Amino acid sequence: MVARLLIAWVVMLACVVIHAMGTVVIVRRLIAPQLSTGRSLLSGIWLLIAVVTCFAAVHLAEIALWAMLYRGNDGIPDMETALYFSAVTYTTVGYGDVVLPPGLRLTAGVEALTGILMVGWTSALIFFVLVRVRAAREASGHVAPITINSDLDSKP
C-alpha cells in the first residue's frame, strides 16, 4: 500500500511539473504578447479560447499519465477504460461504473486531489487573463473603468 501511494505521489508531482511547464508556455507564448497593448473584445475572446484550449490539452496529458499508471498496474484491463476512469476521477465526477481493485483505490484518491489542485490552478490563471484583458481594454479606452457604488462604502 505504501509503495503504491509513493508511486501515486510521484505521478502527482509529474502532473505539477507538466502543469507548470504548460503554464510557462501559455503565459509566454499566448498571454504576454496579447496583453502588451489594449485589444478589441474579439481578440480578448480569442485569447481566452486559446488559453482554455491549451489548458485542456495540459489536463488531458495529466489524465493520460494517470491512465497509464492504472493500465500498467493491471488495475484496468484496457487503455480506453483507463482513460475514461482517469478522466472521471481527475474531474472528481466519480460515476462509479468502473472500479479499481482494492490495492489501487487510494491511488484514485490522490488523482482526484491532483485534479482539484490542477483545475484550481487553471481557473486562477483564466481569471488572471480576464482581469488583464479588462485592464488592457480600460487603458486603451475601449471600455469604461469599473466603478464601485460609493453607497456601499458610506458609514451610517
Protein backbone atom coordinates (compact mmCIF):
# COMPACT_ATOMS: atom_id res chain seq x y z
CA MET A 1 0.00 0.00 0.00
CA VAL A 2 2.75 2.47 0.94
CA ALA A 3 4.68 1.71 -2.25
CA ARG A 4 1.60 2.38 -4.38
CA LEU A 5 0.92 5.64 -2.56
CA LEU A 6 4.51 6.72 -3.15
CA ILE A 7 4.10 5.96 -6.85
CA ALA A 8 0.86 7.97 -6.85
CA TRP A 9 2.68 10.92 -5.23
CA VAL A 10 5.39 10.70 -7.91
CA VAL A 11 2.69 10.85 -10.61
CA MET A 12 1.12 13.79 -8.77
CA LEU A 13 4.48 15.59 -8.80
CA ALA A 14 4.84 14.79 -12.50
CA CYS A 15 1.44 16.41 -13.07
CA VAL A 16 2.60 19.51 -11.21
CA VAL A 17 5.68 19.66 -13.46
CA ILE A 18 3.55 19.19 -16.60
CA HIS A 19 1.18 21.90 -15.41
CA ALA A 20 3.99 24.28 -14.53
CA MET A 21 5.64 23.81 -17.92
CA GLY A 22 2.30 24.23 -19.67
CA THR A 23 1.64 27.40 -17.69
CA VAL A 24 5.01 28.88 -18.60
CA VAL A 25 4.49 28.16 -22.30
CA ILE A 26 0.92 29.51 -22.26
CA VAL A 27 1.92 32.68 -20.42
CA ARG A 28 5.00 33.37 -22.55
CA ARG A 29 3.59 32.43 -25.95
CA LEU A 30 -0.08 33.39 -25.66
CA ILE A 31 -0.85 35.71 -22.79
CA ALA A 32 2.13 38.07 -22.52
CA PRO A 33 2.25 39.08 -26.21
CA GLN A 34 -1.51 39.67 -26.34
CA LEU A 35 -1.71 41.81 -23.22
CA SER A 36 1.03 44.26 -24.13
CA THR A 37 -1.47 46.63 -25.73
CA GLY A 38 -5.19 47.29 -25.50
CA ARG A 39 -7.08 44.76 -27.56
CA SER A 40 -10.54 44.55 -29.01
CA LEU A 41 -13.24 42.48 -27.37
CA LEU A 42 -12.94 39.86 -30.11
CA SER A 43 -9.18 39.45 -29.62
CA GLY A 44 -9.77 39.10 -25.87
CA ILE A 45 -12.30 36.35 -26.54
CA TRP A 46 -9.89 34.57 -28.89
CA LEU A 47 -7.17 34.79 -26.25
CA LEU A 48 -9.44 33.15 -23.68
CA ILE A 49 -10.40 30.44 -26.16
CA ALA A 50 -6.71 29.76 -26.87
CA VAL A 51 -5.81 29.66 -23.17
CA VAL A 52 -8.69 27.32 -22.31
CA THR A 53 -7.87 25.05 -25.26
CA CYS A 54 -4.20 24.85 -24.30
CA PHE A 55 -5.00 24.12 -20.67
CA ALA A 56 -7.48 21.44 -21.74
CA ALA A 57 -4.59 19.76 -23.58
CA VAL A 58 -2.44 20.01 -20.43
CA HIS A 59 -5.20 18.43 -18.33
CA LEU A 60 -5.68 15.66 -20.91
CA ALA A 61 -1.95 14.88 -20.76
CA GLU A 62 -2.17 14.60 -16.98
CA ILE A 63 -5.26 12.38 -17.24
CA ALA A 64 -3.39 10.15 -19.71
CA LEU A 65 -0.46 9.88 -17.29
CA TRP A 66 -2.77 8.61 -14.55
CA ALA A 67 -4.45 6.23 -17.03
CA MET A 68 -1.05 4.73 -17.88
CA LEU A 69 -0.49 4.11 -14.18
CA TYR A 70 -3.81 2.25 -13.85
CA ARG A 71 -3.20 0.28 -17.03
CA GLY A 72 0.40 -0.54 -16.12
CA ASN A 73 -0.59 -1.90 -12.71
CA ASP A 74 -3.29 -4.14 -14.24
CA GLY A 75 -5.91 -2.18 -12.38
CA ILE A 76 -7.93 -1.62 -15.56
CA PRO A 77 -7.97 -4.08 -18.49
CA ASP A 78 -7.69 -1.67 -21.46
CA MET A 79 -6.42 1.84 -22.18
CA GLU A 80 -9.80 3.26 -23.24
CA THR A 81 -11.37 2.29 -19.93
CA ALA A 82 -8.29 3.54 -18.07
CA LEU A 83 -8.57 6.94 -19.80
CA TYR A 84 -12.30 7.07 -19.03
CA PHE A 85 -11.77 6.14 -15.37
CA SER A 86 -8.92 8.62 -15.05
CA ALA A 87 -10.96 11.48 -16.56
CA VAL A 88 -13.89 10.74 -14.27
CA THR A 89 -11.59 10.58 -11.24
CA TYR A 90 -9.43 13.61 -12.15
CA THR A 91 -12.52 15.78 -12.57
CA THR A 92 -14.00 14.30 -9.36
CA VAL A 93 -17.19 13.27 -11.16
CA GLY A 94 -16.84 9.70 -9.87
CA TYR A 95 -19.59 7.82 -11.70
CA GLY A 96 -18.65 4.53 -10.03
CA ASP A 97 -19.27 2.38 -13.10
CA VAL A 98 -15.57 1.40 -13.27
CA VAL A 99 -13.99 0.32 -10.00
CA LEU A 100 -10.33 -0.29 -9.23
CA PRO A 101 -9.11 -3.33 -7.35
CA PRO A 102 -8.63 -2.68 -3.61
CA GLY A 103 -4.88 -2.11 -3.88
CA LEU A 104 -5.28 0.86 -6.23
CA ARG A 105 -8.23 2.65 -4.67
CA LEU A 106 -6.13 5.10 -2.66
CA THR A 107 -4.28 5.94 -5.85
CA ALA A 108 -7.56 7.19 -7.30
CA GLY A 109 -7.95 9.46 -4.28
CA VAL A 110 -4.54 11.01 -4.97
CA GLU A 111 -5.57 11.52 -8.60
CA ALA A 112 -8.77 13.27 -7.50
CA LEU A 113 -6.76 15.55 -5.22
CA THR A 114 -4.38 16.27 -8.09
CA GLY A 115 -7.28 17.09 -10.40
CA ILE A 116 -8.82 19.51 -7.90
CA LEU A 117 -5.50 21.30 -7.47
CA MET A 118 -4.71 21.48 -11.18
CA VAL A 119 -8.21 22.69 -12.11
CA GLY A 120 -7.93 25.35 -9.39
CA TRP A 121 -4.55 26.41 -10.81
CA THR A 122 -6.05 26.68 -14.28
CA SER A 123 -9.07 28.61 -13.01
CA ALA A 124 -6.80 31.11 -11.28
CA LEU A 125 -4.85 31.72 -14.48
CA ILE A 126 -8.02 32.11 -16.55
CA PHE A 127 -9.29 34.65 -14.01
CA PHE A 128 -5.94 36.45 -14.28
CA VAL A 129 -6.36 36.61 -18.07
CA LEU A 130 -9.88 38.03 -17.72
CA VAL A 131 -8.65 40.73 -15.33
CA ARG A 132 -5.68 41.61 -17.56
CA VAL A 133 -7.80 41.73 -20.73
CA ARG A 134 -10.24 44.04 -18.98
CA ALA A 135 -7.41 46.26 -17.67
CA ALA A 136 -5.81 46.47 -21.13
CA ARG A 137 -9.14 47.42 -22.68
CA GLU A 138 -9.71 50.08 -20.00
CA ALA A 139 -6.22 51.51 -20.50
CA SER A 140 -6.77 51.78 -24.26
CA GLY A 141 -10.15 53.46 -23.81
CA HIS A 142 -12.18 50.60 -25.31
CA VAL A 143 -14.33 50.31 -22.19
CA ALA A 144 -15.07 52.48 -19.20
CA PRO A 145 -13.40 51.53 -15.91
CA ILE A 146 -15.49 49.57 -13.47
CA THR A 147 -16.52 51.72 -10.53
CA ILE A 148 -17.88 50.63 -7.21
CA ASN A 149 -21.01 52.27 -5.91
CA SER A 150 -19.93 54.78 -3.25
CA ASP A 151 -23.09 54.00 -1.24
CA LEU A 152 -21.53 50.68 -0.28
CA ASP A 153 -18.59 52.42 1.34
CA SER A 154 -20.55 55.04 3.29
CA LYS A 155 -20.79 54.80 7.04
CA PRO A 156 -24.20 55.07 8.76
